[in-house]
Protein backbone atom coordinates (compact mmCIF):
# COMPACT_ATOMS: atom_id res chain seq x y z
CA UNK A 1 0.00 0.00 0.00
CA UNK A 2 1.27 3.49 -0.85
CA UNK A 3 0.45 7.04 0.22
CA UNK A 4 -2.91 7.90 -1.37
CA UNK A 5 -3.55 11.06 -3.39
CA UNK A 6 -6.90 12.64 -2.51
CA UNK A 7 -8.53 13.90 -5.69
CA UNK A 8 -11.96 14.91 -4.38
CA UNK A 9 -14.09 15.42 -1.30
CA UNK A 10 -15.71 12.03 -1.99
CA UNK A 11 -12.29 10.34 -1.98
CA UNK A 12 -11.49 11.99 1.32
CA UNK A 13 -14.76 10.93 2.99
CA UNK A 14 -14.05 7.29 2.16
CA UNK A 15 -10.50 7.43 3.53
CA UNK A 16 -11.55 9.30 6.69
CA UNK A 17 -13.72 6.47 8.01
CA UNK A 18 -10.78 5.06 9.95
CA UNK A 19 -7.51 6.56 11.16
CA UNK A 20 -6.24 8.93 8.46
CA UNK A 21 -3.09 11.05 8.35
CA UNK A 22 -3.41 13.59 5.53
CA UNK A 23 -0.72 15.97 4.29
CA UNK A 24 -2.08 19.22 2.82
CA UNK A 25 0.53 20.39 0.30
CA UNK A 26 1.27 22.71 -2.60
CA UNK A 27 3.78 22.26 -5.40
CA UNK A 28 5.31 25.70 -4.79
CA UNK A 29 6.20 24.91 -1.15
CA UNK A 30 9.60 23.18 -1.00
CA UNK A 31 9.04 21.99 2.58
CA UNK A 32 6.20 19.76 1.40
CA UNK A 33 8.74 17.47 -0.31
CA UNK A 34 10.36 16.74 3.05
CA UNK A 35 6.99 15.86 4.58
CA UNK A 36 6.20 13.58 1.62
CA UNK A 37 9.36 11.61 2.43
CA UNK A 38 8.42 11.36 6.11
CA UNK A 39 4.86 10.35 5.24
CA UNK A 40 6.09 7.54 2.98
CA UNK A 41 8.32 6.22 5.76
CA UNK A 42 5.48 6.33 8.30
CA UNK A 43 3.23 4.54 5.84
CA UNK A 44 5.70 1.66 5.64
CA UNK A 45 5.80 1.38 9.42
CA UNK A 46 2.09 1.81 10.20
CA UNK A 47 0.33 0.64 7.02
CA UNK A 48 -1.70 -1.98 8.91
CA UNK A 49 -3.11 0.55 11.37
CA UNK A 50 -3.57 3.81 9.45
CA UNK A 51 -4.07 5.33 6.03
CA UNK A 52 -1.66 8.02 4.86
CA UNK A 53 -2.71 10.48 2.17
CA UNK A 54 -1.75 13.67 0.35
CA UNK A 55 -4.25 16.42 -0.48
CA UNK A 56 -3.27 19.33 -2.71
CA UNK A 57 -4.77 22.25 -0.78
CA UNK A 58 -5.49 24.49 -3.77
CA UNK A 59 -6.79 21.72 -6.03
CA UNK A 60 -9.13 20.13 -3.47
CA UNK A 61 -10.07 23.34 -1.70
CA UNK A 62 -13.37 21.97 -0.38
CA UNK A 63 -11.48 19.63 1.94
CA UNK A 64 -8.85 22.26 2.76
CA UNK A 65 -11.56 24.74 3.78
CA UNK A 66 -13.32 22.09 5.89
CA UNK A 67 -10.18 21.79 8.02
CA UNK A 68 -9.34 25.50 7.86
CA UNK A 69 -5.93 24.95 6.26
CA UNK A 70 -4.17 28.31 6.28
CA UNK A 71 -0.64 27.19 5.39
CA UNK A 72 1.27 24.29 3.87
CA UNK A 73 2.67 21.89 4.75
CA UNK A 74 0.03 20.93 7.33
CA UNK A 75 -0.62 17.37 8.45
CA UNK A 76 -3.95 16.53 10.06
CA UNK A 77 -4.68 13.36 12.03
CA UNK A 78 -8.31 12.29 11.66
CA UNK A 79 -10.35 9.62 13.44
CA UNK A 80 -13.74 8.75 11.96
CA UNK A 81 -13.92 12.04 10.08
CA UNK A 82 -12.98 14.28 13.03
CA UNK A 83 -9.63 15.99 13.59
CA UNK A 84 -7.74 14.84 16.69
CA UNK A 85 -4.39 16.56 16.08
CA UNK A 86 -2.43 18.56 13.53
CA UNK A 87 1.20 19.38 12.83
CA UNK A 88 1.94 22.72 11.18
CA UNK A 89 5.00 23.24 9.05
CA UNK A 90 7.87 20.86 8.30
CA UNK A 91 8.34 19.14 11.67
CA UNK A 92 9.11 15.43 11.09
CA UNK A 93 9.76 14.72 14.78
CA UNK A 94 6.43 16.16 15.89
CA UNK A 95 4.55 14.35 13.10
CA UNK A 96 6.17 11.02 13.95
CA UNK A 97 5.40 11.47 17.65
CA UNK A 98 1.78 12.45 16.98
CA UNK A 99 1.13 9.39 14.81
CA UNK A 100 2.78 7.09 17.36
CA UNK A 101 0.74 8.60 20.20
CA UNK A 102 -2.63 8.00 18.60
CA UNK A 103 -1.82 4.56 17.26
CA UNK A 104 -0.46 3.44 20.64
CA UNK A 105 -3.51 4.67 22.62
CA UNK A 106 -6.08 2.12 23.80
CA UNK A 107 -9.13 1.90 21.56
CA UNK A 108 -11.47 4.76 22.36
CA UNK A 109 -9.02 6.53 24.68
CA UNK A 110 -8.30 9.39 22.35
CA UNK A 111 -11.35 9.31 20.11
CA UNK A 112 -12.68 12.81 19.57
CA UNK A 113 -15.88 14.15 21.01
CA UNK A 114 -18.06 14.82 17.95
CA UNK A 115 -19.68 17.76 19.73
CA UNK A 116 -16.33 19.44 20.30
CA UNK A 117 -16.59 21.29 16.98
CA UNK A 118 -19.55 22.45 15.00
CA UNK A 119 -20.04 21.39 11.38
CA UNK A 120 -18.16 24.54 10.35
CA UNK A 121 -15.18 23.47 12.48
CA UNK A 122 -15.85 26.16 15.08
CA UNK A 123 -15.20 25.15 18.69
CA UNK A 124 -17.55 26.23 21.46
CA UNK A 125 -14.98 28.71 22.76
CA UNK A 126 -14.62 30.25 19.30
CA UNK A 127 -18.39 30.45 18.99
CA UNK A 128 -18.75 32.17 22.37
CA UNK A 129 -16.01 34.61 21.42
CA UNK A 130 -17.88 35.41 18.21
CA UNK A 131 -21.26 35.75 19.94
CA UNK A 132 -19.96 38.12 22.63
CA UNK A 133 -18.57 40.33 19.86
CA UNK A 134 -21.62 40.10 17.61
CA UNK A 135 -22.57 43.73 18.35
CA UNK A 136 -21.32 46.56 20.50
CA UNK A 137 -23.90 45.52 23.14
CA UNK A 138 -24.87 41.87 23.59
CA UNK A 139 -27.26 40.58 26.26
CA UNK A 140 -27.42 36.87 27.08
CA UNK A 141 -30.82 36.35 28.65
CA UNK A 142 -33.71 33.96 29.13
CA UNK A 143 -36.17 34.73 26.38
CA UNK A 144 -36.05 37.71 24.05
CA UNK A 145 -36.10 41.46 24.85
CA UNK A 146 -39.81 41.77 24.09
CA UNK A 147 -40.67 38.60 26.02
CA UNK A 148 -38.28 37.85 28.91
CA UNK A 149 -38.67 34.40 30.48
CA UNK A 150 -37.47 35.14 34.03
CA UNK A 151 -37.78 38.00 36.48
CA UNK A 152 -34.08 38.88 36.27
CA UNK A 153 -34.16 39.17 32.48
CA UNK A 154 -37.36 41.19 32.74
CA UNK A 155 -35.82 43.54 35.33
CA UNK A 156 -32.72 43.92 33.14
CA UNK A 157 -34.77 45.03 30.15
CA UNK A 158 -36.72 47.48 32.32
CA UNK A 159 -33.43 48.91 33.60
CA UNK A 160 -31.89 49.24 30.13
CA UNK A 161 -35.00 50.96 28.80
CA UNK A 162 -34.91 53.29 31.80
CA UNK A 163 -31.26 54.14 31.16
CA UNK A 164 -31.88 54.80 27.48
CA UNK A 165 -35.50 55.29 26.43
CA UNK A 166 -34.89 54.07 22.87
CA UNK A 167 -32.57 51.25 23.92
CA UNK A 168 -34.31 48.55 21.88
CA UNK A 169 -33.76 50.56 18.70
CA UNK A 170 -30.03 50.91 19.46
CA UNK A 171 -28.27 49.74 16.29
CA UNK A 172 -25.43 48.33 18.39
CA UNK A 173 -27.67 46.04 20.48
CA UNK A 174 -28.36 42.34 20.04
CA UNK A 175 -29.45 39.55 22.36
CA UNK A 176 -29.09 35.78 22.67
CA UNK A 177 -31.76 33.52 24.15
CA UNK A 178 -29.85 30.98 26.27
CA UNK A 179 -32.97 28.80 26.58
CA UNK A 180 -32.54 27.89 22.91
CA UNK A 181 -28.99 26.54 23.19
CA UNK A 182 -27.82 24.47 26.14
CA UNK A 183 -24.19 24.38 24.97
CA UNK A 184 -24.01 28.19 24.99
CA UNK A 185 -25.97 28.39 28.25
CA UNK A 186 -23.47 26.19 30.11
CA UNK A 187 -20.34 27.13 28.17
CA UNK A 188 -20.58 30.87 28.65
CA UNK A 189 -20.59 30.48 32.44
CA UNK A 190 -17.06 29.08 32.20
CA UNK A 191 -16.06 31.44 29.38
CA UNK A 192 -17.06 34.54 31.36
CA UNK A 193 -16.41 33.14 34.87
CA UNK A 194 -19.92 34.43 35.66
CA UNK A 195 -22.39 31.79 36.90
CA UNK A 196 -25.77 33.47 36.41
CA UNK A 197 -27.96 35.18 33.80
CA UNK A 198 -28.54 37.67 32.32
CA UNK A 199 -25.02 38.66 31.27
CA UNK A 200 -24.30 41.96 29.54
CA UNK A 201 -21.31 42.49 27.22
CA UNK A 202 -20.25 45.87 25.86
CA UNK A 203 -17.58 46.07 23.17
CA UNK A 204 -16.92 42.36 23.73
CA UNK A 205 -16.17 42.71 27.45
CA UNK A 206 -18.34 41.34 30.25
CA UNK A 207 -20.10 44.04 32.25
CA UNK A 208 -21.85 41.63 34.60
CA UNK A 209 -25.33 40.73 35.74
CA UNK A 210 -28.31 42.70 36.96
CA UNK A 211 -26.79 43.79 40.28
CA UNK A 212 -23.69 45.15 38.54
CA UNK A 213 -25.85 47.02 36.02
CA UNK A 214 -27.91 48.55 38.83
CA UNK A 215 -24.78 49.70 40.64
CA UNK A 216 -23.34 51.20 37.46
CA UNK A 217 -26.64 52.99 36.82
CA UNK A 218 -26.61 54.49 40.29
CA UNK A 219 -23.06 55.74 39.66
CA UNK A 220 -24.04 57.15 36.26
CA UNK A 221 -21.68 54.76 34.45
CA UNK A 222 -24.10 52.45 32.65
CA UNK A 223 -25.33 55.04 30.13
CA UNK A 224 -21.74 56.07 29.45
CA UNK A 225 -20.81 52.45 28.74
CA UNK A 226 -23.81 51.95 26.47
CA UNK A 227 -22.98 55.09 24.52
CA UNK A 228 -19.40 53.86 24.06
CA UNK A 229 -20.62 50.74 22.24
CA UNK A 230 -19.36 50.47 18.68
CA UNK A 231 -20.25 47.41 16.63
CA UNK A 232 -17.52 47.96 14.04
CA UNK A 233 -14.72 48.30 16.57
CA UNK A 234 -16.12 45.28 18.41
CA UNK A 235 -15.98 43.28 15.18
CA UNK A 236 -12.38 44.35 14.60
CA UNK A 237 -11.54 43.37 18.16
CA UNK A 238 -13.10 39.95 17.55
CA UNK A 239 -11.22 39.44 14.29
CA UNK A 240 -7.85 40.43 15.73
CA UNK A 241 -8.39 38.16 18.77
CA UNK A 242 -9.98 35.30 16.81
CA UNK A 243 -6.85 33.13 17.08
CA UNK A 244 -3.49 33.55 18.84
CA UNK A 245 -1.95 34.70 15.53
CA UNK A 246 -4.05 36.36 12.82
CA UNK A 247 -2.87 37.65 9.45
CA UNK A 248 -4.88 40.28 7.56
CA UNK A 249 -3.89 39.92 3.94
CA UNK A 250 -5.04 40.22 0.35
CA UNK A 251 -6.38 36.84 -0.70
CA UNK A 252 -5.79 33.57 1.15
CA UNK A 253 -2.66 31.61 2.11
CA UNK A 254 -3.36 29.27 -0.80
CA UNK A 255 -3.89 32.15 -3.21
CA UNK A 256 -2.29 35.45 -2.15
CA UNK A 257 -3.48 38.44 -4.19
CA UNK A 258 -0.40 40.66 -3.89
CA UNK A 259 3.36 40.28 -3.72
CA UNK A 260 3.63 41.42 -0.09
CA UNK A 261 1.00 38.92 1.06
CA UNK A 262 2.75 36.16 -0.90
CA UNK A 263 6.08 36.99 0.77
CA UNK A 264 4.44 37.11 4.19
CA UNK A 265 2.90 33.65 3.72
CA UNK A 266 6.26 32.22 2.67
CA UNK A 267 7.89 33.81 5.71
CA UNK A 268 5.31 32.46 8.18
CA UNK A 269 5.56 29.00 6.66
CA UNK A 270 9.34 29.09 6.92
CA UNK A 271 8.91 29.94 10.60
CA UNK A 272 6.46 26.99 10.97
CA UNK A 273 3.99 29.41 12.52
CA UNK A 274 0.36 28.39 12.97
CA UNK A 275 -1.93 31.28 12.05
CA UNK A 276 -5.45 32.23 11.04
CA UNK A 277 -6.15 34.75 8.29
CA UNK A 278 -8.68 37.28 7.04
CA UNK A 279 -9.00 38.33 3.40
CA UNK A 280 -9.37 42.12 3.45
CA UNK A 281 -10.55 42.04 -0.17
CA UNK A 282 -13.72 40.30 1.07
CA UNK A 283 -14.81 43.23 3.28
CA UNK A 284 -14.07 46.82 2.24
CA UNK A 285 -15.22 48.22 5.59
CA UNK A 286 -12.76 46.06 7.51
CA UNK A 287 -10.05 46.87 4.96
CA UNK A 288 -10.40 50.63 5.54
CA UNK A 289 -11.29 50.76 9.23
CA UNK A 290 -8.58 48.36 10.39
CA UNK A 291 -6.00 50.90 9.27
CA UNK A 292 -7.43 53.38 11.77
CA UNK A 293 -7.96 50.73 14.45
CA UNK A 294 -4.33 49.57 14.23
CA UNK A 295 -2.78 52.90 13.25
CA UNK A 296 -1.01 50.96 10.49
CA UNK A 297 -1.70 52.09 6.90
CA UNK A 298 -0.68 49.06 4.82
CA UNK A 299 -1.23 45.32 4.39
CA UNK A 300 -0.49 42.63 5.30
CA UNK A 301 -0.85 43.12 9.06
CA UNK A 302 0.03 40.42 11.60
CA UNK A 303 -1.53 40.26 15.08
CA UNK A 304 -0.33 38.28 18.09
CA UNK A 305 -2.95 37.71 20.82
CA UNK A 306 -4.86 40.75 19.59
CA UNK A 307 -1.86 43.08 19.48
CA UNK A 308 -0.45 44.39 16.21
CA UNK A 309 2.97 42.95 15.40
CA UNK A 310 3.40 44.90 12.16
CA UNK A 311 3.82 44.36 8.45
CA UNK A 312 6.23 42.39 6.29
CA UNK A 313 9.39 44.32 7.19
CA UNK A 314 8.76 43.91 10.92
CA UNK A 315 8.12 40.19 10.51
CA UNK A 316 11.28 39.72 8.42
CA UNK A 317 13.29 41.32 11.24
CA UNK A 318 11.60 39.13 13.86
CA UNK A 319 12.35 36.02 11.80
CA UNK A 320 16.00 36.99 11.38
CA UNK A 321 16.21 37.36 15.17
CA UNK A 322 14.55 33.97 15.71
CA UNK A 323 11.49 35.54 17.37
CA UNK A 324 8.77 35.05 14.76
CA UNK A 325 8.19 31.37 15.54
CA UNK A 326 7.53 32.24 19.19
CA UNK A 327 4.37 34.22 18.38
CA UNK A 328 1.13 32.77 19.70
CA UNK A 329 2.80 30.90 22.56
């Protein structure tokens, strides 16, 4: 048996029924050749226990998008269609260790929880992060603003309408009914370290529950906080904090749309850095407003834990100093 070339999503679905190790590659990335050699060797050792495959990220983009492949080479370990581990960049030692770990584990010991990720590949934590940044003001409550389902949610809406008479028409306000989603209801308690509902978020940050809102209102601070809400800045905050390392670029890692973005991708891959990305060509508002938000006029822009690192020149200098690969840690 040899390493299998995945030609389509249907091919992949068949292979992924068992234990699959798949290498996402591109012909322009020299490091992928090294991983091909490692993969072939692992296939010879473990051919009775696992399937080893190659998937050209740009040619079979449906599969690449499903696993949010942002750089090549990337190797993903899959059990029954669900990712259990991945190795970013050319790291033969880490890949060998990861395969050995999962093949040596007792049956069922390391099988993934199918509820860990949504169908889009979004984890619960990522979803909560997105929901809390959905608007400048987000209220997690029982019921909906016009029909609260508990006395605390009802009292919260009365307070917010008292603070701002046209609160419900506030363009920066949205709500989430926790009675409709048990995963969010339980998960956000841990996410926010706040055990009760309702919970109010402004500009992505937790304000607190009803008692906190009452105290802020008495101090004259609640209206000030509400008036500071800005949905666009909250969205930019979410995007820049979406992953430990986020690159704002023209195009995608598989298909950069400018020379600077192409050079940045090559640099990050050389540093074996795991990163998320956002295509600024897909959203003109983000493209223009992020310049003001970051006080940086050009693209690409790289962020580390929500803080701007800089553009290509800054990243080249960090890489030369051996510091680029430490981002996100």
